[in-house]
């Protein structure tokens, strides 16, 4: 399965770690289909729809100022991409079959 999107992870100044399709626009990052990454030592990696503190609705797109990003993670374990795609599509794919 070939993934054409620019799926990246970001850590924000709030401490939230989000993953999504990142499109850079001037001083902002447009994050399409953002999910918040949750890592539990006992249960592994989980993801939930990213909710800002201003709404309880699932966000399809979030625009974040680049100065609010602490870490921009371009290379990470592919388990995060697999979990992200599983969450969005419902299709479970073994990690070693994904080309990013």
C-alpha atoms as a PDB file:
ATOM      1  CA  UNK A   1       0.000   0.000   0.000  1.00  0.00           C
ATOM      2  CA  UNK A   2       1.531   3.296  -1.088  1.00  0.00           C
ATOM      3  CA  UNK A   3       0.739   6.345   1.055  1.00  0.00           C
ATOM      4  CA  UNK A   4       0.912   9.554  -0.984  1.00  0.00           C
ATOM      5  CA  UNK A   5       0.085  11.904   1.868  1.00  0.00           C
ATOM      6  CA  UNK A   6       2.576  13.932   3.901  1.00  0.00           C
ATOM      7  CA  UNK A   7       1.773  12.274   7.236  1.00  0.00           C
ATOM      8  CA  UNK A   8       3.829  13.858  10.021  1.00  0.00           C
ATOM      9  CA  UNK A   9       3.736  14.099  13.802  1.00  0.00           C
ATOM     10  CA  UNK A  10       3.980  17.338  15.746  1.00  0.00           C
ATOM     11  CA  UNK A  11       4.420  18.103  19.410  1.00  0.00           C
ATOM     12  CA  UNK A  12       2.776  21.380  20.357  1.00  0.00           C
ATOM     13  CA  UNK A  13       3.666  23.837  23.113  1.00  0.00           C
ATOM     14  CA  UNK A  14       0.660  22.405  25.006  1.00  0.00           C
ATOM     15  CA  UNK A  15       2.356  18.991  25.099  1.00  0.00           C
ATOM     16  CA  UNK A  16      -0.168  17.445  22.693  1.00  0.00           C
ATOM     17  CA  UNK A  17       1.314  15.142  20.058  1.00  0.00           C
ATOM     18  CA  UNK A  18      -0.754  15.057  16.881  1.00  0.00           C
ATOM     19  CA  UNK A  19      -0.426  13.196  13.611  1.00  0.00           C
ATOM     20  CA  UNK A  20      -2.019  14.077  10.291  1.00  0.00           C
ATOM     21  CA  UNK A  21      -1.482  15.110   6.720  1.00  0.00           C
ATOM     22  CA  UNK A  22       0.611  18.285   6.977  1.00  0.00           C
ATOM     23  CA  UNK A  23       0.416  21.070   4.406  1.00  0.00           C
ATOM     24  CA  UNK A  24       2.707  24.046   5.015  1.00  0.00           C
ATOM     25  CA  UNK A  25       1.204  27.468   4.309  1.00  0.00           C
ATOM     26  CA  UNK A  26       3.363  30.531   5.072  1.00  0.00           C
ATOM     27  CA  UNK A  27       3.721  30.663   8.888  1.00  0.00           C
ATOM     28  CA  UNK A  28       1.075  28.007   9.485  1.00  0.00           C
ATOM     29  CA  UNK A  29       0.666  24.258   9.221  1.00  0.00           C
ATOM     30  CA  UNK A  30      -2.673  22.943   7.971  1.00  0.00           C
ATOM     31  CA  UNK A  31      -3.237  19.529   9.557  1.00  0.00           C
ATOM     32  CA  UNK A  32      -5.832  17.436   7.716  1.00  0.00           C
ATOM     33  CA  UNK A  33      -7.593  14.684   9.717  1.00  0.00           C
ATOM     34  CA  UNK A  34      -5.571  15.324  12.891  1.00  0.00           C
ATOM     35  CA  UNK A  35      -5.415  12.632  15.561  1.00  0.00           C
ATOM     36  CA  UNK A  36      -3.915  12.967  19.019  1.00  0.00           C
ATOM     37  CA  UNK A  37      -1.283  10.308  19.761  1.00  0.00           C
ATOM     38  CA  UNK A  38      -1.559   8.563  23.110  1.00  0.00           C
ATOM     39  CA  UNK A  39       1.211   6.188  24.187  1.00  0.00           C
ATOM     40  CA  UNK A  40       0.552   3.873  27.125  1.00  0.00           C
ATOM     41  CA  UNK A  41       3.381   1.592  28.302  1.00  0.00           C
ATOM     42  CA  UNK A  42       0.860  -1.157  29.052  1.00  0.00           C
ATOM     43  CA  UNK A  43      -1.444  -0.874  26.022  1.00  0.00           C
ATOM     44  CA  UNK A  44       0.843   0.592  23.353  1.00  0.00           C
ATOM     45  CA  UNK A  45      -0.045   3.280  20.830  1.00  0.00           C
ATOM     46  CA  UNK A  46      -3.545   4.701  20.599  1.00  0.00           C
ATOM     47  CA  UNK A  47      -5.060   7.620  18.727  1.00  0.00           C
ATOM     48  CA  UNK A  48      -8.145   9.698  19.279  1.00  0.00           C
ATOM     49  CA  UNK A  49      -9.648  12.498  17.196  1.00  0.00           C
ATOM     50  CA  UNK A  50      -7.868  15.746  18.002  1.00  0.00           C
ATOM     51  CA  UNK A  51     -10.080  18.095  19.963  1.00  0.00           C
ATOM     52  CA  UNK A  52      -9.047  21.621  20.702  1.00  0.00           C
ATOM     53  CA  UNK A  53      -9.846  23.065  24.096  1.00  0.00           C
ATOM     54  CA  UNK A  54     -12.454  25.283  22.438  1.00  0.00           C
ATOM     55  CA  UNK A  55     -14.739  22.598  21.036  1.00  0.00           C
ATOM     56  CA  UNK A  56     -15.840  19.047  21.702  1.00  0.00           C
ATOM     57  CA  UNK A  57     -16.252  18.336  17.983  1.00  0.00           C
ATOM     58  CA  UNK A  58     -13.914  16.186  15.922  1.00  0.00           C
ATOM     59  CA  UNK A  59     -11.752  18.412  13.743  1.00  0.00           C
ATOM     60  CA  UNK A  60     -11.257  17.605  10.030  1.00  0.00           C
ATOM     61  CA  UNK A  61      -8.686  20.352   9.558  1.00  0.00           C
ATOM     62  CA  UNK A  62      -6.698  22.358  12.070  1.00  0.00           C
ATOM     63  CA  UNK A  63      -4.452  25.319  11.280  1.00  0.00           C
ATOM     64  CA  UNK A  64      -1.558  25.668  13.715  1.00  0.00           C
ATOM     65  CA  UNK A  65       0.943  28.498  13.775  1.00  0.00           C
ATOM     66  CA  UNK A  66       4.475  27.167  13.243  1.00  0.00           C
ATOM     67  CA  UNK A  67       5.617  28.974  16.415  1.00  0.00           C
ATOM     68  CA  UNK A  68       3.297  26.707  18.454  1.00  0.00           C
ATOM     69  CA  UNK A  69       5.171  23.583  17.341  1.00  0.00           C
ATOM     70  CA  UNK A  70       7.937  22.374  19.661  1.00  0.00           C
ATOM     71  CA  UNK A  71       8.949  19.290  17.661  1.00  0.00           C
ATOM     72  CA  UNK A  72       8.238  18.519  13.997  1.00  0.00           C
ATOM     73  CA  UNK A  73       8.724  14.769  13.612  1.00  0.00           C
ATOM     74  CA  UNK A  74       9.365  13.681  10.033  1.00  0.00           C
ATOM     75  CA  UNK A  75      10.821  10.229  10.675  1.00  0.00           C
ATOM     76  CA  UNK A  76       9.179   7.946  13.204  1.00  0.00           C
ATOM     77  CA  UNK A  77       8.320   4.279  13.705  1.00  0.00           C
ATOM     78  CA  UNK A  78       5.861   3.186  11.023  1.00  0.00           C
ATOM     79  CA  UNK A  79       3.525   1.795  13.694  1.00  0.00           C
ATOM     80  CA  UNK A  80       2.236   5.373  14.049  1.00  0.00           C
ATOM     81  CA  UNK A  81       1.373   5.605  10.340  1.00  0.00           C
ATOM     82  CA  UNK A  82      -0.295   2.178  10.475  1.00  0.00           C
ATOM     83  CA  UNK A  83      -2.403   3.163  13.501  1.00  0.00           C
ATOM     84  CA  UNK A  84      -3.280   6.505  11.869  1.00  0.00           C
ATOM     85  CA  UNK A  85      -4.490   4.841   8.658  1.00  0.00           C
ATOM     86  CA  UNK A  86      -6.347   2.134  10.613  1.00  0.00           C
ATOM     87  CA  UNK A  87      -8.199   4.822  12.546  1.00  0.00           C
ATOM     88  CA  UNK A  88      -9.174   6.759   9.407  1.00  0.00           C
ATOM     89  CA  UNK A  89     -10.047   3.845   7.117  1.00  0.00           C
ATOM     90  CA  UNK A  90     -10.906   0.951   9.414  1.00  0.00           C
ATOM     91  CA  UNK A  91      -8.561  -1.202   7.311  1.00  0.00           C
ATOM     92  CA  UNK A  92      -5.957  -3.129   9.291  1.00  0.00           C
ATOM     93  CA  UNK A  93      -2.667  -3.480   7.408  1.00  0.00           C
ATOM     94  CA  UNK A  94       0.515  -5.164   8.675  1.00  0.00           C
ATOM     95  CA  UNK A  95       3.230  -2.531   9.185  1.00  0.00           C
ATOM     96  CA  UNK A  96       5.715  -4.179   6.829  1.00  0.00           C
ATOM     97  CA  UNK A  97       3.339  -3.768   3.840  1.00  0.00           C
ATOM     98  CA  UNK A  98       3.205   0.024   3.932  1.00  0.00           C
ATOM     99  CA  UNK A  99       5.515   2.200   1.853  1.00  0.00           C
ATOM    100  CA  UNK A 100       5.741   5.772   3.073  1.00  0.00           C
END
